[in-house]
């Protein structure tokens, strides 16, 4: 299966992101977790 077809033009606008949560976790025996929040509502994505 080496033939690829680009169908991204058929999708249109799927969503308008307003915010994002990003979770980080260290690998190992003592795992730490860190969470970041990004507020993207202040940007105009339609430009």
N, C-alpha and C. Protein backbone atom coordinates (compact mmCIF):
# COMPACT_ATOMS: atom_id res chain seq x y z
N UNK A 1 0.85 -1.18 0.00
CA UNK A 1 0.00 0.00 0.00
C UNK A 1 0.90 1.24 0.00
N UNK A 2 1.44 1.57 -1.14
CA UNK A 2 2.32 2.72 -1.26
C UNK A 2 1.61 3.95 -1.82
N UNK A 3 0.38 3.79 -2.29
CA UNK A 3 -0.35 4.92 -2.86
C UNK A 3 -1.11 5.66 -1.77
N UNK A 4 -0.86 6.96 -1.67
CA UNK A 4 -1.56 7.79 -0.68
C UNK A 4 -2.42 8.81 -1.40
N UNK A 5 -3.60 9.04 -0.88
CA UNK A 5 -4.52 10.03 -1.44
C UNK A 5 -4.76 11.11 -0.41
N UNK A 6 -4.50 12.35 -0.80
CA UNK A 6 -4.71 13.49 0.10
C UNK A 6 -6.19 13.88 0.07
N UNK A 7 -6.90 13.64 1.17
CA UNK A 7 -8.33 13.96 1.23
C UNK A 7 -8.60 15.12 2.20
N UNK A 8 -7.56 15.84 2.61
CA UNK A 8 -7.74 16.91 3.60
C UNK A 8 -8.59 18.06 3.08
N UNK A 9 -8.64 18.26 1.76
CA UNK A 9 -9.47 19.33 1.21
C UNK A 9 -10.96 19.03 1.39
N UNK A 10 -11.32 17.78 1.56
CA UNK A 10 -12.72 17.38 1.72
C UNK A 10 -13.26 17.60 3.12
N UNK A 11 -12.38 17.86 4.09
CA UNK A 11 -12.81 17.95 5.48
C UNK A 11 -13.50 19.27 5.80
N UNK A 12 -13.03 20.38 5.25
CA UNK A 12 -13.56 21.68 5.64
C UNK A 12 -13.09 22.04 7.03
N UNK A 13 -13.83 22.91 7.71
CA UNK A 13 -13.48 23.31 9.07
C UNK A 13 -14.11 22.33 10.04
N UNK A 14 -13.28 21.66 10.81
CA UNK A 14 -13.79 20.66 11.75
C UNK A 14 -14.15 21.26 13.09
N UNK A 15 -13.35 22.23 13.55
CA UNK A 15 -13.60 22.81 14.86
C UNK A 15 -12.84 24.13 14.96
N UNK A 16 -13.21 24.92 15.93
CA UNK A 16 -12.50 26.15 16.27
C UNK A 16 -11.99 25.99 17.69
N UNK A 17 -10.70 25.78 17.88
CA UNK A 17 -10.18 25.56 19.23
C UNK A 17 -10.34 26.79 20.11
N UNK A 18 -10.74 26.57 21.33
CA UNK A 18 -10.90 27.64 22.32
C UNK A 18 -9.84 27.57 23.40
N UNK A 19 -9.48 26.36 23.78
CA UNK A 19 -8.44 26.18 24.80
C UNK A 19 -7.84 24.79 24.65
N UNK A 20 -6.71 24.60 25.31
CA UNK A 20 -6.03 23.30 25.24
C UNK A 20 -5.42 22.99 26.59
N UNK A 21 -5.49 21.74 26.97
CA UNK A 21 -4.79 21.23 28.15
C UNK A 21 -3.70 20.29 27.65
N UNK A 22 -2.48 20.51 28.12
CA UNK A 22 -1.36 19.66 27.74
C UNK A 22 -0.83 19.00 29.00
N UNK A 23 -0.76 17.68 28.99
CA UNK A 23 -0.29 16.91 30.13
C UNK A 23 1.10 16.36 29.84
N UNK A 24 2.01 16.58 30.77
CA UNK A 24 3.36 16.06 30.68
C UNK A 24 3.57 15.09 31.84
N UNK A 25 4.26 14.00 31.57
CA UNK A 25 4.60 13.05 32.63
C UNK A 25 6.00 12.51 32.38
N UNK A 26 6.81 12.50 33.43
CA UNK A 26 8.16 11.97 33.30
C UNK A 26 8.12 10.45 33.27
N UNK A 27 9.14 9.88 32.68
CA UNK A 27 9.25 8.43 32.59
C UNK A 27 10.25 7.95 33.64
N UNK A 28 9.89 6.92 34.35
CA UNK A 28 10.78 6.36 35.36
C UNK A 28 10.00 5.84 36.54
N UNK A 29 10.71 5.54 37.60
CA UNK A 29 10.06 4.99 38.78
C UNK A 29 9.33 6.06 39.59
N UNK A 30 9.84 7.28 39.59
CA UNK A 30 9.18 8.39 40.28
C UNK A 30 8.64 9.35 39.22
N UNK A 31 7.38 9.17 38.85
CA UNK A 31 6.81 9.99 37.78
C UNK A 31 6.24 11.28 38.35
N UNK A 32 6.57 12.36 37.70
CA UNK A 32 6.00 13.67 38.02
C UNK A 32 5.07 14.05 36.88
N UNK A 33 4.03 14.82 37.21
CA UNK A 33 3.09 15.27 36.19
C UNK A 33 3.02 16.79 36.21
N UNK A 34 2.88 17.36 35.02
CA UNK A 34 2.78 18.80 34.85
C UNK A 34 1.68 19.07 33.84
N UNK A 35 0.81 20.04 34.12
CA UNK A 35 -0.30 20.37 33.24
C UNK A 35 -0.21 21.84 32.86
N UNK A 36 -0.38 22.12 31.57
CA UNK A 36 -0.43 23.50 31.09
C UNK A 36 -1.78 23.76 30.44
N UNK A 37 -2.27 24.99 30.57
CA UNK A 37 -3.50 25.40 29.92
C UNK A 37 -3.20 26.55 28.97
N UNK A 38 -3.69 26.45 27.77
CA UNK A 38 -3.52 27.50 26.77
C UNK A 38 -4.90 28.02 26.38
N UNK A 39 -5.11 29.33 26.53
CA UNK A 39 -6.36 29.96 26.14
C UNK A 39 -6.18 30.51 24.74
N UNK A 40 -6.86 29.92 23.78
CA UNK A 40 -6.72 30.32 22.39
C UNK A 40 -7.92 31.10 21.89
N UNK A 41 -8.85 31.42 22.76
CA UNK A 41 -10.08 32.10 22.35
C UNK A 41 -9.81 33.54 21.93
N UNK A 42 -8.70 34.11 22.33
CA UNK A 42 -8.43 35.51 22.03
C UNK A 42 -7.91 35.71 20.61
N UNK A 43 -7.66 34.64 19.87
CA UNK A 43 -7.15 34.75 18.50
C UNK A 43 -8.27 34.57 17.50
N UNK A 44 -8.16 35.25 16.37
CA UNK A 44 -9.14 35.10 15.30
C UNK A 44 -8.58 34.14 14.27
N UNK A 45 -9.07 32.91 14.24
CA UNK A 45 -8.54 31.90 13.33
C UNK A 45 -9.13 32.01 11.93
N UNK A 46 -10.06 32.93 11.71
CA UNK A 46 -10.69 33.06 10.40
C UNK A 46 -9.94 34.02 9.48
N UNK A 47 -8.85 34.58 9.95
CA UNK A 47 -8.09 35.52 9.11
C UNK A 47 -7.22 34.79 8.14
